N, C-alpha and C. Protein backbone atom coordinates (compact mmCIF):
# COMPACT_ATOMS: atom_id res chain seq x y z
N UNK A 1 0.69 -1.03 0.00
CA UNK A 1 0.02 -0.09 -0.06
C UNK A 1 1.06 1.37 0.21
N UNK A 2 0.78 2.08 -0.79
CA UNK A 2 1.56 3.46 -0.85
C UNK A 2 1.08 4.49 0.10
N UNK A 3 1.84 5.25 0.26
CA UNK A 3 1.73 6.36 1.33
C UNK A 3 0.33 7.17 1.13
N UNK A 4 0.01 7.30 -0.02
CA UNK A 4 -1.54 7.77 -0.69
C UNK A 4 -2.66 6.86 -0.27
N UNK A 5 -2.67 5.93 -0.43
CA UNK A 5 -3.55 5.01 -0.12
C UNK A 5 -3.63 4.95 1.40
N UNK A 6 -2.55 4.71 1.93
CA UNK A 6 -2.38 4.72 3.49
C UNK A 6 -3.09 6.13 3.92
N UNK A 7 -2.95 6.88 3.68
CA UNK A 7 -3.74 8.02 3.90
C UNK A 7 -5.18 8.31 3.69
N UNK A 8 -5.51 7.74 2.37
CA UNK A 8 -6.65 8.04 2.01
C UNK A 8 -8.03 6.84 2.86
N UNK A 9 -7.28 5.67 2.96
CA UNK A 9 -8.61 4.72 3.43
C UNK A 9 -9.10 5.05 4.98
N UNK A 10 -8.00 5.48 5.87
CA UNK A 10 -8.45 5.76 7.25
C UNK A 10 -9.32 7.26 7.40
N UNK A 11 -9.26 8.26 6.34
CA UNK A 11 -9.78 9.36 6.14
C UNK A 11 -11.12 9.11 5.62
N UNK A 12 -11.37 8.22 4.69
CA UNK A 12 -12.61 7.86 4.19
C UNK A 12 -13.34 7.37 4.98
N UNK A 13 -12.73 6.37 5.93
CA UNK A 13 -13.31 5.55 7.16
C UNK A 13 -13.90 6.40 8.39
N UNK A 14 -13.02 7.66 8.60
CA UNK A 14 -13.53 8.24 9.61
C UNK A 14 -14.76 9.36 9.07
N UNK A 15 -15.13 9.51 7.98
CA UNK A 15 -16.02 10.36 7.36
C UNK A 15 -17.31 9.71 7.19
N UNK A 16 -17.49 8.18 6.74
CA UNK A 16 -18.13 7.36 6.20
C UNK A 16 -18.67 6.35 7.42
N UNK A 17 -17.97 5.46 7.94
CA UNK A 17 -18.16 4.16 8.45
C UNK A 17 -19.01 4.35 9.43
N UNK A 18 -19.08 5.54 10.35
CA UNK A 18 -20.29 5.37 11.36
C UNK A 18 -21.40 6.09 10.99
N UNK A 19 -21.15 6.94 10.44
CA UNK A 19 -22.57 7.64 10.07
C UNK A 19 -23.16 7.26 8.55
N UNK A 20 -22.37 6.50 7.81
CA UNK A 20 -22.94 6.21 6.35
C UNK A 20 -22.34 4.94 6.32
N UNK A 21 -22.82 3.83 7.01
CA UNK A 21 -21.90 2.55 6.80
C UNK A 21 -22.17 1.81 5.71
N UNK A 22 -23.32 1.92 4.97
CA UNK A 22 -23.25 1.36 3.47
C UNK A 22 -22.59 1.94 2.46
N UNK A 23 -22.48 3.44 2.61
CA UNK A 23 -21.63 4.33 1.60
C UNK A 23 -20.27 3.92 1.92
N UNK A 24 -19.98 3.65 3.06
CA UNK A 24 -18.51 3.41 3.42
C UNK A 24 -18.26 2.07 2.80
N UNK A 25 -18.82 0.95 2.83
CA UNK A 25 -18.91 -0.55 2.05
C UNK A 25 -19.05 -0.13 0.58
N UNK A 26 -19.69 0.58 0.31
CA UNK A 26 -19.61 0.90 -1.22
C UNK A 26 -18.42 1.55 -1.72
N UNK A 27 -17.72 2.45 -0.89
CA UNK A 27 -16.52 3.02 -1.20
C UNK A 27 -15.03 2.03 -1.33
N UNK A 28 -15.24 1.21 -0.43
CA UNK A 28 -14.67 0.17 -0.30
C UNK A 28 -14.36 -0.63 -1.23
N UNK A 29 -15.79 -1.12 -1.84
CA UNK A 29 -15.87 -1.82 -2.96
C UNK A 29 -15.48 -1.21 -4.47
N UNK A 30 -15.63 0.12 -4.45
CA UNK A 30 -15.21 0.75 -5.43
C UNK A 30 -13.55 0.63 -5.57
N UNK A 31 -12.77 0.95 -4.38
CA UNK A 31 -11.65 0.96 -4.31
C UNK A 31 -11.20 -0.54 -4.85
N UNK A 32 -11.70 -1.46 -4.38
CA UNK A 32 -11.80 -2.84 -4.79
C UNK A 32 -11.65 -3.11 -6.43
N UNK A 33 -12.41 -2.36 -6.91
CA UNK A 33 -12.61 -2.53 -8.62
C UNK A 33 -11.39 -2.00 -8.87
N UNK A 34 -10.90 -1.15 -8.19
CA UNK A 34 -9.75 0.15 -8.78
C UNK A 34 -8.59 -1.03 -8.91
N UNK A 35 -8.46 -1.57 -7.59
CA UNK A 35 -7.42 -2.48 -7.81
C UNK A 35 -7.27 -3.72 -8.91
N UNK A 36 -8.38 -4.01 -9.35
CA UNK A 36 -8.73 -5.17 -10.10
C UNK A 36 -8.07 -4.36 -11.76
N UNK A 37 -8.34 -3.16 -11.82
CA UNK A 37 -7.90 -2.77 -13.12
C UNK A 37 -6.40 -2.03 -13.11
N UNK A 38 -5.91 -2.00 -11.94
CA UNK A 38 -4.50 -1.41 -11.79
C UNK A 38 -3.53 -1.87 -12.65
N UNK A 39 -3.19 -2.89 -13.32
CA UNK A 39 -2.34 -3.31 -14.57
C UNK A 39 -2.59 -2.32 -15.65
N UNK A 40 -3.71 -1.65 -15.77
CA UNK A 40 -3.88 -0.80 -17.24
C UNK A 40 -3.48 0.86 -16.63
N UNK A 41 -3.35 1.06 -15.59
CA UNK A 41 -3.04 2.35 -15.10
C UNK A 41 -1.40 2.51 -14.75
N UNK A 42 -0.62 1.52 -14.45
CA UNK A 42 0.70 1.66 -14.44
C UNK A 42 0.90 2.52 -12.92
N UNK A 43 1.66 3.35 -13.02
CA UNK A 43 2.00 4.32 -11.87
C UNK A 43 0.65 5.24 -11.36
N UNK A 44 -0.33 5.23 -12.04
CA UNK A 44 -1.21 6.02 -11.58
C UNK A 44 -2.39 5.10 -11.08
N UNK A 45 -2.32 3.77 -10.75
CA UNK A 45 -2.94 2.87 -9.77
C UNK A 45 -3.27 3.26 -8.73
N UNK A 46 -2.28 3.82 -7.69
CA UNK A 46 -2.47 4.08 -6.53
C UNK A 46 -3.27 5.47 -6.73
N UNK A 47 -3.11 6.63 -7.40
CA UNK A 47 -3.90 7.65 -7.35
C UNK A 47 -5.22 7.10 -7.40
N UNK A 48 -5.77 6.51 -8.53
CA UNK A 48 -7.03 5.80 -8.91
C UNK A 48 -7.50 5.21 -7.44
N UNK A 49 -6.77 4.14 -6.92
CA UNK A 49 -7.58 3.54 -5.68
C UNK A 49 -7.74 4.64 -4.60
N UNK A 50 -7.00 5.62 -4.35
CA UNK A 50 -7.19 6.79 -3.48
C UNK A 50 -8.34 7.47 -3.61
N UNK A 51 -8.41 8.06 -4.85
CA UNK A 51 -9.69 8.61 -5.20
C UNK A 51 -10.93 7.81 -5.10
N UNK A 52 -10.63 6.52 -5.85
CA UNK A 52 -12.11 5.39 -5.38
C UNK A 52 -12.50 5.49 -4.12
N UNK A 53 -11.31 5.35 -3.16
CA UNK A 53 -12.31 4.96 -1.85
C UNK A 53 -12.81 6.32 -1.04
N UNK A 54 -12.15 7.63 -1.71
CA UNK A 54 -12.61 8.99 -1.33
C UNK A 54 -13.67 9.37 -1.90
N UNK A 55 -14.18 8.88 -3.16
CA UNK A 55 -14.92 9.66 -4.02
C UNK A 55 -16.35 10.05 -3.38
N UNK A 56 -16.90 9.40 -2.32
CA UNK A 56 -18.24 9.62 -1.83
C UNK A 56 -17.97 10.33 -0.63
N UNK A 57 -17.22 10.92 -0.18
CA UNK A 57 -16.89 11.38 1.15
C UNK A 57 -17.73 12.76 1.23
N UNK A 58 -18.18 13.16 0.01
CA UNK A 58 -19.05 14.39 0.09
C UNK A 58 -20.30 14.10 0.70
N UNK A 59 -20.64 12.99 0.79
CA UNK A 59 -22.16 12.49 1.63
C UNK A 59 -22.25 12.59 3.15
N UNK A 60 -20.55 12.71 3.61
CA UNK A 60 -20.68 13.06 5.06
C UNK A 60 -21.59 14.09 5.61
N UNK A 61 -22.33 13.68 6.62
CA UNK A 61 -22.86 14.90 7.29
C UNK A 61 -22.19 15.92 7.58
N UNK A 62 -20.78 15.67 7.99
CA UNK A 62 -19.88 16.68 8.31
C UNK A 62 -19.53 17.40 7.09
N UNK A 63 -19.60 17.21 6.04
CA UNK A 63 -19.16 18.04 4.89
C UNK A 63 -20.39 18.69 4.02
N UNK A 64 -21.30 17.89 4.00
CA UNK A 64 -22.38 18.21 2.94
C UNK A 64 -22.65 19.48 2.96
N UNK A 65 -22.38 20.28 2.41
CA UNK A 65 -22.50 21.96 2.35
C UNK A 65 -23.65 22.34 1.10
N UNK A 66 -23.28 21.98 0.17
CA UNK A 66 -24.23 22.52 -0.98
C UNK A 66 -25.19 21.29 -1.36
N UNK A 67 -24.76 20.24 -0.91
CA UNK A 67 -25.71 18.64 -1.14
C UNK A 67 -25.31 18.13 -2.43
N UNK A 68 -24.36 18.59 -3.02
CA UNK A 68 -23.65 17.94 -4.10
C UNK A 68 -22.52 17.22 -3.74
N UNK A 69 -22.37 16.14 -3.65
CA UNK A 69 -21.50 15.51 -2.81
C UNK A 69 -20.05 15.64 -3.60
N UNK A 70 -19.79 15.57 -5.09
CA UNK A 70 -18.68 15.63 -5.65
C UNK A 70 -18.04 16.84 -5.16
N UNK A 71 -18.57 18.02 -5.23
CA UNK A 71 -18.22 19.26 -5.00
C UNK A 71 -17.76 19.40 -3.58
N UNK A 72 -18.77 18.82 -2.58
CA UNK A 72 -18.46 19.01 -1.27
C UNK A 72 -17.16 18.05 -0.83
N UNK A 73 -16.97 17.22 -1.44
CA UNK A 73 -15.99 16.11 -1.00
C UNK A 73 -14.83 16.60 -1.50
N UNK A 74 -14.85 17.23 -2.73
CA UNK A 74 -13.62 17.86 -3.36
C UNK A 74 -13.07 19.00 -2.62
N UNK A 75 -13.94 19.97 -2.20
CA UNK A 75 -13.74 20.92 -1.50
C UNK A 75 -12.84 20.86 -0.30
N UNK A 76 -13.52 19.72 0.35
CA UNK A 76 -12.97 19.33 1.79
C UNK A 76 -11.53 18.64 1.58
N UNK A 77 -11.20 18.07 0.47
CA UNK A 77 -10.22 17.21 0.44
C UNK A 77 -9.05 18.48 0.00
N UNK A 78 -9.49 19.36 -0.88
CA UNK A 78 -8.49 20.57 -0.88
C UNK A 78 -8.38 21.46 0.03
N UNK A 79 -9.48 21.86 1.04
CA UNK A 79 -9.23 23.20 1.95
C UNK A 79 -8.99 22.49 3.00
N UNK A 80 -9.32 21.26 3.61
CA UNK A 80 -9.16 20.79 4.89
C UNK A 80 -7.74 19.77 4.68
N UNK A 81 -8.27 18.76 3.96
CA UNK A 81 -7.26 17.67 4.04
C UNK A 81 -5.85 17.74 3.48
N UNK A 82 -5.96 19.01 2.74
CA UNK A 82 -4.74 19.18 1.64
C UNK A 82 -4.16 18.08 0.82
N UNK A 83 -5.29 17.48 0.26
CA UNK A 83 -4.95 16.11 -0.73
C UNK A 83 -4.02 16.55 -1.81
N UNK A 84 -3.65 15.52 -2.44
CA UNK A 84 -3.26 15.54 -3.78
C UNK A 84 -4.01 15.90 -4.53
N UNK A 85 -3.71 16.90 -5.41
CA UNK A 85 -4.52 17.66 -6.32
C UNK A 85 -5.27 17.09 -7.25
N UNK A 86 -4.52 15.77 -7.73
CA UNK A 86 -5.14 15.04 -8.59
C UNK A 86 -6.15 13.91 -8.02
N UNK A 87 -5.95 13.54 -6.72
CA UNK A 87 -7.42 13.01 -6.23
C UNK A 87 -8.46 13.86 -5.96
N UNK A 88 -8.02 15.23 -5.80
CA UNK A 88 -9.19 16.12 -5.48
C UNK A 88 -10.02 16.25 -6.99
N UNK A 89 -9.28 16.44 -7.87
CA UNK A 89 -9.85 16.85 -9.19
C UNK A 89 -10.75 15.15 -9.44
N UNK A 90 -10.21 13.90 -9.45
CA UNK A 90 -10.94 12.91 -9.53
C UNK A 90 -12.14 12.88 -8.99
N UNK A 91 -11.98 13.01 -7.30
CA UNK A 91 -13.59 13.32 -6.53
C UNK A 91 -14.29 14.03 -7.31
N UNK A 92 -14.03 15.45 -7.61
CA UNK A 92 -14.82 16.34 -8.11
C UNK A 92 -15.68 15.86 -9.45
N UNK A 93 -14.79 15.23 -10.29
CA UNK A 93 -15.40 14.67 -11.76
C UNK A 93 -15.83 13.51 -11.77
N UNK A 94 -16.15 12.63 -10.39
CA UNK A 94 -16.26 11.36 -10.66
C UNK A 94 -17.82 11.25 -11.03
N UNK A 95 -17.68 9.96 -12.33
CA UNK A 95 -18.94 9.66 -12.76
C UNK A 95 -20.10 10.65 -13.21
N UNK A 96 -19.39 11.38 -14.15
CA UNK A 96 -20.31 12.27 -15.26
C UNK A 96 -20.59 13.38 -14.19
N UNK A 97 -20.03 13.48 -13.06
CA UNK A 97 -20.31 14.74 -12.14
C UNK A 97 -20.88 15.83 -12.72
N UNK A 98 -20.29 16.51 -13.76
CA UNK A 98 -20.42 17.78 -14.58
C UNK A 98 -21.84 17.80 -14.95
N UNK A 99 -22.63 16.64 -15.33
CA UNK A 99 -24.34 16.57 -15.79
C UNK A 99 -24.92 16.87 -14.49
N UNK A 100 -24.55 16.06 -13.33
CA UNK A 100 -25.41 16.66 -12.26
C UNK A 100 -25.40 18.06 -11.86
N UNK A 101 -23.79 18.32 -12.09
CA UNK A 101 -23.56 19.98 -11.37
C UNK A 101 -24.54 20.74 -12.22
N UNK A 102 -24.39 20.71 -13.43
CA UNK A 102 -25.50 21.12 -14.50
C UNK A 102 -26.90 21.45 -14.16
N UNK A 103 -27.21 20.46 -13.70
CA UNK A 103 -28.79 20.32 -13.44
C UNK A 103 -29.07 20.84 -12.06
N UNK A 104 -28.05 20.94 -10.94
CA UNK A 104 -27.93 21.62 -10.02
C UNK A 104 -27.54 23.17 -10.02
N UNK A 105 -27.34 23.84 -11.17
CA UNK A 105 -26.84 24.89 -11.33
C UNK A 105 -25.38 25.16 -10.89
N UNK A 106 -24.26 24.07 -10.77
CA UNK A 106 -23.23 24.37 -10.13
C UNK A 106 -22.17 23.92 -11.11
N UNK A 107 -22.30 23.67 -12.34
CA UNK A 107 -21.31 23.30 -13.09
C UNK A 107 -20.01 24.35 -13.41
N UNK A 108 -20.39 25.68 -13.43
CA UNK A 108 -19.62 26.66 -13.60
C UNK A 108 -18.74 26.55 -12.40
N UNK A 109 -19.08 26.34 -11.15
CA UNK A 109 -18.35 26.47 -10.07
C UNK A 109 -17.60 25.32 -9.73
N UNK A 110 -17.68 23.95 -10.17
CA UNK A 110 -17.25 22.58 -10.26
C UNK A 110 -16.31 22.79 -11.19
N UNK A 111 -16.54 23.18 -12.46
CA UNK A 111 -15.30 23.65 -13.36
C UNK A 111 -14.41 24.41 -13.26
N UNK A 112 -14.81 25.59 -12.53
CA UNK A 112 -14.16 26.67 -12.52
C UNK A 112 -13.03 26.41 -11.07
N UNK A 113 -13.46 25.58 -10.17
CA UNK A 113 -12.46 25.38 -9.06
C UNK A 113 -11.78 24.25 -9.32
N UNK A 114 -12.28 23.16 -10.19
CA UNK A 114 -11.61 21.77 -10.40
C UNK A 114 -11.36 21.34 -11.63
N UNK A 115 -10.17 21.60 -12.44
CA UNK A 115 -9.78 20.97 -13.54
C UNK A 115 -10.07 19.49 -13.93
N UNK A 116 -10.76 18.71 -14.86
CA UNK A 116 -10.96 17.76 -15.01
C UNK A 116 -9.71 16.56 -15.15
N UNK A 117 -9.15 15.47 -14.87
CA UNK A 117 -8.17 14.94 -14.85
C UNK A 117 -7.94 14.26 -16.04
N UNK A 118 -7.06 13.50 -16.68
CA UNK A 118 -6.94 12.90 -17.88
C UNK A 118 -8.35 11.86 -18.01
N UNK A 119 -8.50 11.84 -19.28
CA UNK A 119 -9.73 11.15 -19.42
C UNK A 119 -9.99 9.67 -19.13
N UNK A 120 -8.61 9.05 -19.26
CA UNK A 120 -8.72 7.32 -18.97
C UNK A 120 -8.83 7.36 -17.27
N UNK A 121 -8.46 8.24 -16.52
CA UNK A 121 -8.40 8.01 -15.09
C UNK A 121 -10.16 8.18 -14.77
N UNK A 122 -10.88 9.42 -15.52
CA UNK A 122 -11.89 9.38 -15.29
C UNK A 122 -12.69 8.32 -15.69
N UNK A 123 -12.42 7.82 -16.96
CA UNK A 123 -13.22 6.68 -17.17
C UNK A 123 -12.81 5.55 -16.16
N UNK A 124 -11.70 5.48 -15.75
CA UNK A 124 -11.60 4.37 -14.53
C UNK A 124 -12.04 4.42 -13.07
N UNK A 125 -12.49 5.68 -12.86
CA UNK A 125 -13.35 5.91 -11.60
C UNK A 125 -14.84 5.53 -11.98
N UNK A 126 -14.91 5.79 -13.18
CA UNK A 126 -16.43 5.67 -13.56
C UNK A 126 -16.88 4.39 -13.50
N UNK A 127 -15.91 3.62 -14.03
CA UNK A 127 -15.86 2.21 -14.33
C UNK A 127 -15.96 1.44 -13.01
N UNK A 128 -15.37 1.92 -12.31
CA UNK A 128 -15.16 1.42 -10.78
C UNK A 128 -16.32 1.65 -9.87
N UNK A 129 -17.09 2.92 -9.95
CA UNK A 129 -18.30 3.39 -9.41
C UNK A 129 -19.40 2.73 -9.83
N UNK A 130 -19.47 2.53 -11.16
CA UNK A 130 -20.73 2.01 -11.86
C UNK A 130 -20.89 0.50 -11.89
N UNK A 131 -19.52 0.03 -11.48
CA UNK A 131 -19.54 -1.75 -11.13
C UNK A 131 -19.70 -1.95 -10.03
N UNK A 132 -20.14 -1.36 -8.90
CA UNK A 132 -20.19 -1.44 -7.55
C UNK A 132 -21.57 -1.18 -6.94
N UNK A 133 -22.32 -2.26 -6.00
CA UNK A 133 -23.60 -1.64 -5.52
C UNK A 133 -23.45 -0.90 -4.52
N UNK A 134 -24.46 -0.43 -3.98
CA UNK A 134 -24.40 0.35 -2.68
C UNK A 134 -23.99 -0.54 -1.60
N UNK A 135 -23.73 -1.68 -1.46
CA UNK A 135 -23.29 -2.50 -0.51
C UNK A 135 -21.87 -2.94 -0.92
N UNK A 136 -21.37 -2.39 -1.91
CA UNK A 136 -19.97 -2.88 -2.06
C UNK A 136 -19.56 -3.97 -2.87
N UNK A 137 -20.44 -4.77 -3.33
CA UNK A 137 -20.30 -5.86 -4.36
C UNK A 137 -20.31 -5.49 -6.02
N UNK A 138 -19.71 -6.60 -6.60
CA UNK A 138 -19.55 -6.29 -7.83
C UNK A 138 -21.03 -6.27 -8.60
N UNK A 139 -21.31 -5.57 -9.55
CA UNK A 139 -22.29 -5.44 -10.50
C UNK A 139 -22.05 -5.06 -11.84
N UNK A 140 -23.11 -4.58 -12.87
CA UNK A 140 -22.50 -3.84 -13.89
C UNK A 140 -23.28 -2.71 -14.18
N UNK A 141 -22.74 -2.06 -15.11
CA UNK A 141 -23.31 -0.54 -14.98
C UNK A 141 -24.61 -0.33 -15.66
N UNK A 142 -25.08 -1.34 -16.05
CA UNK A 142 -26.59 -1.22 -16.57
C UNK A 142 -27.30 -1.45 -15.15
N UNK A 143 -27.21 -2.56 -14.44
CA UNK A 143 -28.02 -2.75 -13.36
C UNK A 143 -27.62 -1.76 -12.25
N UNK A 144 -26.45 -1.06 -12.40
CA UNK A 144 -26.39 -0.10 -11.46
C UNK A 144 -27.11 1.29 -11.41
N UNK A 145 -27.28 1.69 -12.84
CA UNK A 145 -27.87 2.81 -13.22
C UNK A 145 -29.36 2.41 -13.03
N UNK A 146 -29.78 1.36 -13.27
CA UNK A 146 -31.06 1.15 -12.93
C UNK A 146 -31.61 1.20 -11.24
N UNK A 147 -30.68 0.60 -10.43
CA UNK A 147 -30.69 0.66 -9.13
C UNK A 147 -30.55 2.32 -8.79
N UNK A 148 -29.97 3.20 -9.20
CA UNK A 148 -29.74 4.38 -8.89
C UNK A 148 -30.96 5.29 -9.59
N UNK A 149 -31.59 4.98 -10.42
CA UNK A 149 -33.10 5.69 -11.08
C UNK A 149 -33.94 5.06 -9.92
N UNK A 150 -33.83 3.79 -9.72
CA UNK A 150 -34.92 3.27 -8.71
C UNK A 150 -34.85 3.58 -7.47
N UNK A 151 -33.96 3.83 -6.86
CA UNK A 151 -33.65 4.62 -5.52
C UNK A 151 -34.10 5.91 -5.28
N UNK A 152 -33.86 6.86 -6.48
CA UNK A 152 -34.00 8.02 -6.24
C UNK A 152 -35.55 8.52 -6.78
N UNK A 153 -35.92 7.82 -7.99
CA UNK A 153 -37.10 7.90 -8.42
C UNK A 153 -36.72 8.56 -9.90
N UNK A 154 -37.32 8.04 -11.02
CA UNK A 154 -36.95 8.52 -12.25
C UNK A 154 -37.18 10.10 -12.49
N UNK A 155 -38.17 10.45 -11.82
CA UNK A 155 -38.75 11.84 -12.15
C UNK A 155 -37.57 13.08 -11.10
N UNK A 156 -36.78 12.37 -10.11
CA UNK A 156 -36.04 12.88 -9.02
C UNK A 156 -35.07 13.70 -10.22
N UNK A 157 -33.87 14.81 -9.47
CA UNK A 157 -32.99 15.13 -10.08
C UNK A 157 -31.75 14.21 -10.24
N UNK A 158 -31.61 13.31 -9.40
CA UNK A 158 -30.69 12.26 -9.31
C UNK A 158 -31.32 11.36 -10.61
N UNK A 159 -32.39 11.02 -10.53
CA UNK A 159 -32.81 9.97 -11.72
C UNK A 159 -32.75 10.39 -13.05
N UNK A 160 -32.87 11.76 -13.25
CA UNK A 160 -33.04 12.24 -14.48
C UNK A 160 -31.75 12.51 -15.00
N UNK A 161 -30.76 12.94 -14.04
CA UNK A 161 -29.23 13.13 -14.43
C UNK A 161 -28.81 11.47 -14.81
N UNK A 162 -29.29 10.46 -14.12
CA UNK A 162 -28.24 9.36 -14.19
C UNK A 162 -28.95 8.82 -15.51
N UNK A 163 -30.09 9.09 -15.83
CA UNK A 163 -30.66 8.66 -17.30
C UNK A 163 -29.87 9.20 -18.48
N UNK A 164 -29.47 10.50 -18.22
CA UNK A 164 -28.94 11.63 -19.09
C UNK A 164 -27.63 11.00 -19.22
N UNK A 165 -27.09 10.88 -18.01
CA UNK A 165 -25.65 10.36 -18.17
C UNK A 165 -25.15 8.91 -18.55
N UNK A 166 -26.57 7.95 -18.55
CA UNK A 166 -25.85 6.51 -19.19
C UNK A 166 -25.32 6.44 -20.13
N UNK A 167 -25.51 7.00 -21.40
CA UNK A 167 -24.78 6.60 -22.42
C UNK A 167 -23.25 6.97 -22.36
N UNK A 168 -23.06 8.08 -21.57
CA UNK A 168 -21.54 8.36 -21.17
C UNK A 168 -20.99 7.41 -20.34
N UNK A 169 -21.78 7.16 -19.22
CA UNK A 169 -21.20 5.97 -18.28
C UNK A 169 -20.94 4.57 -19.20
N UNK A 170 -21.81 4.27 -19.88
CA UNK A 170 -21.71 3.01 -20.64
C UNK A 170 -20.27 3.19 -21.60
N UNK A 171 -20.09 4.25 -22.13
CA UNK A 171 -18.88 4.32 -22.99
C UNK A 171 -18.04 4.30 -22.06
N UNK A 172 -17.59 4.84 -21.17
CA UNK A 172 -16.74 5.14 -20.13
C UNK A 172 -16.05 3.65 -19.69
N UNK A 173 -17.41 2.91 -19.19
CA UNK A 173 -16.83 1.61 -18.94
C UNK A 173 -16.48 0.84 -19.90
N UNK A 174 -16.93 1.09 -21.23
CA UNK A 174 -16.85 0.16 -22.52
C UNK A 174 -15.13 0.57 -22.46
N UNK A 175 -14.93 1.52 -22.75
CA UNK A 175 -13.33 2.09 -22.84
C UNK A 175 -12.20 1.34 -21.96
N UNK A 176 -12.89 1.40 -20.58
CA UNK A 176 -11.91 0.75 -19.56
C UNK A 176 -11.62 -0.73 -19.74
N UNK A 177 -12.97 -1.45 -20.33
CA UNK A 177 -12.99 -2.77 -20.79
C UNK A 177 -12.20 -3.35 -21.87
N UNK A 178 -12.23 -2.36 -22.72
CA UNK A 178 -11.26 -2.14 -23.96
C UNK A 178 -9.51 -2.04 -23.42
N UNK A 179 -9.45 -1.36 -22.60
CA UNK A 179 -7.97 -1.57 -22.42
C UNK A 179 -7.88 -2.53 -21.49
N UNK A 180 -8.54 -3.03 -20.61
CA UNK A 180 -8.20 -4.06 -19.99
C UNK A 180 -8.11 -5.40 -21.03
N UNK A 181 -8.85 -5.67 -22.01
CA UNK A 181 -8.68 -6.88 -23.11
C UNK A 181 -7.30 -6.44 -23.60
N UNK A 182 -7.01 -5.53 -24.21
CA UNK A 182 -5.77 -5.14 -24.84
C UNK A 182 -4.55 -5.33 -24.03
N UNK A 183 -4.70 -5.28 -22.68
CA UNK A 183 -3.52 -5.48 -21.91
C UNK A 183 -3.36 -7.08 -21.55
N UNK A 184 -4.61 -7.53 -21.64
CA UNK A 184 -4.42 -9.14 -21.61
C UNK A 184 -3.89 -9.76 -22.63
N UNK A 185 -4.10 -9.13 -23.85
CA UNK A 185 -3.65 -9.53 -25.33
C UNK A 185 -2.04 -9.55 -25.56
N UNK A 186 -1.40 -8.45 -24.52
CA UNK A 186 -0.21 -8.08 -24.93
C UNK A 186 0.85 -9.51 -24.33
N UNK A 187 1.77 -9.78 -25.20
CA UNK A 187 2.76 -10.60 -24.72
C UNK A 187 3.47 -10.26 -23.61
N UNK A 188 3.97 -11.43 -23.01
CA UNK A 188 4.47 -10.98 -21.56
C UNK A 188 5.79 -10.89 -21.79
């Protein structure tokens, strides 16, 4: 475990485990998915794993300021935790958050404060999040999107956002799977 992940896990646990145990299980599962695709990320694998375990800390009651968890989590990581800038940016932009930010009237704030990371890392974090159930077990993106829409209601802001984001989420996860398949075809 790198210094970055040694720092990230206890921080995420302190913010989620007691107040939001299901969200903590989800975050651990997302980090587990990150470890499974580490071979395609090389030196950036630990960066992704740290962002994966931290991606939902903005749900913590102690951090929720705007009610938009990617922005609240990223601001905390930047302003309080003094986190690695790339981790902060990945948390801010995870799983097509710009679309939800737009629906909330927060897109300019999000993009003004936090630049997007490289596309392959955003794809990777989206893949990990959308292949993990709320309880932290593996799933697939279609079932995950359906679960989110069902949990929040199809007419809710989240339900509308997730359906709007569905094509990009599926494209992101497909790009990751293509990279994984290509890596497996490489000679040893």
